[in-house]
């Protein structure tokens, strides 16, 4: 998986490409922990994300919990395959998905 991050003031943008699964979720978790302090807007673009496992969902939920306290989090450009996973798990009810 590829993780591209951009910080502009208090906005953190993350673009994910590939598979967010048990093997790659720790990478995203570490990146978020390293960069989320002082961030009030987190935008995660997953247009190029092919798959997300429960480990990936856990990382997104953890980021959501942090951002509820300090700002907003939006997940953008969700592919149909990934959107279906969000819907089946109920994450579409929890996360702000555009």
Protein backbone atom coordinates (compact mmCIF):
# COMPACT_ATOMS: atom_id res chain seq x y z
CA UNK A 1 0.00 0.00 0.00
CA UNK A 2 1.11 3.55 -0.72
CA UNK A 3 0.39 6.38 1.72
CA UNK A 4 0.82 9.95 0.46
CA UNK A 5 0.36 12.71 3.02
CA UNK A 6 0.05 16.46 2.64
CA UNK A 7 -0.22 18.96 5.47
CA UNK A 8 -1.59 22.45 4.79
CA UNK A 9 -1.92 24.41 8.00
CA UNK A 10 -4.20 22.34 10.21
CA UNK A 11 -5.48 20.10 7.39
CA UNK A 12 -3.98 16.68 6.83
CA UNK A 13 -4.75 14.96 3.53
CA UNK A 14 -3.95 11.29 3.08
CA UNK A 15 -4.21 9.42 -0.22
CA UNK A 16 -4.23 5.63 0.04
CA UNK A 17 -3.47 3.26 -2.81
CA UNK A 18 -3.54 -0.53 -2.78
CA UNK A 19 -4.85 -2.74 0.03
CA UNK A 20 -5.49 -1.68 3.61
CA UNK A 21 -5.30 -4.97 5.47
CA UNK A 22 -3.63 -6.69 8.40
CA UNK A 23 -0.19 -6.21 6.86
CA UNK A 24 -0.56 -2.52 5.93
CA UNK A 25 -2.90 -1.15 8.62
CA UNK A 26 -0.02 -0.64 11.10
CA UNK A 27 1.69 1.64 8.54
CA UNK A 28 -1.36 3.89 8.31
CA UNK A 29 -1.82 3.82 12.07
CA UNK A 30 1.80 4.92 12.59
CA UNK A 31 1.46 7.68 9.99
CA UNK A 32 -1.69 9.00 11.64
CA UNK A 33 -0.14 8.95 15.12
CA UNK A 34 2.88 10.82 13.81
CA UNK A 35 0.89 13.56 12.03
CA UNK A 36 -2.53 14.03 13.67
CA UNK A 37 -1.46 16.30 16.56
CA UNK A 38 -2.79 19.82 15.97
CA UNK A 39 -4.84 18.75 12.94
CA UNK A 40 -8.43 20.00 12.80
CA UNK A 41 -9.34 18.57 9.38
CA UNK A 42 -8.42 15.08 8.21
CA UNK A 43 -9.25 14.12 4.62
CA UNK A 44 -8.63 10.54 3.53
CA UNK A 45 -8.88 9.90 -0.22
CA UNK A 46 -9.36 6.21 -0.97
CA UNK A 47 -10.12 6.36 -4.69
CA UNK A 48 -7.22 3.98 -5.39
CA UNK A 49 -7.87 1.71 -2.40
CA UNK A 50 -8.74 -1.74 -3.75
CA UNK A 51 -9.61 -3.48 -0.49
CA UNK A 52 -10.07 -2.80 3.21
CA UNK A 53 -10.06 -5.47 5.93
CA UNK A 54 -11.28 -5.31 9.52
CA UNK A 55 -7.79 -4.18 10.55
CA UNK A 56 -8.07 -1.23 8.15
CA UNK A 57 -11.55 -0.42 9.43
CA UNK A 58 -10.19 -0.39 12.97
CA UNK A 59 -7.55 2.19 12.02
CA UNK A 60 -10.18 4.41 10.38
CA UNK A 61 -12.43 4.12 13.43
CA UNK A 62 -9.53 5.03 15.70
CA UNK A 63 -8.76 8.10 13.55
CA UNK A 64 -12.45 9.03 13.61
CA UNK A 65 -12.50 8.92 17.44
CA UNK A 66 -9.47 11.21 17.61
CA UNK A 67 -10.87 13.66 15.07
CA UNK A 68 -14.28 13.87 16.78
CA UNK A 69 -12.41 15.48 19.69
CA UNK A 70 -10.24 17.85 17.65
CA UNK A 71 -12.00 18.54 14.35
CA UNK A 72 -13.46 16.71 11.37
CA UNK A 73 -12.64 13.67 9.26
CA UNK A 74 -13.91 12.97 5.75
CA UNK A 75 -13.36 9.90 3.60
CA UNK A 76 -13.52 10.78 -0.10
CA UNK A 77 -13.75 8.98 -3.44
CA UNK A 78 -14.90 5.60 -2.18
CA UNK A 79 -14.96 2.83 -4.81
CA UNK A 80 -18.04 0.62 -5.00
CA UNK A 81 -16.16 -2.41 -3.67
CA UNK A 82 -15.00 -0.54 -0.58
CA UNK A 83 -18.33 1.26 -0.12
CA UNK A 84 -20.01 -2.15 0.06
CA UNK A 85 -17.69 -3.14 2.92
CA UNK A 86 -18.55 0.10 4.73
CA UNK A 87 -22.27 -0.59 4.26
CA UNK A 88 -22.15 -4.24 5.37
CA UNK A 89 -20.19 -3.36 8.51
CA UNK A 90 -22.26 -0.26 9.33
CA UNK A 91 -19.25 2.03 9.01
CA UNK A 92 -21.19 4.14 6.51
CA UNK A 93 -23.35 5.17 9.50
CA UNK A 94 -20.34 6.14 11.61
CA UNK A 95 -17.88 7.75 9.21
CA UNK A 96 -18.37 10.90 7.14
CA UNK A 97 -18.12 9.51 3.59
CA UNK A 98 -18.33 11.74 0.53
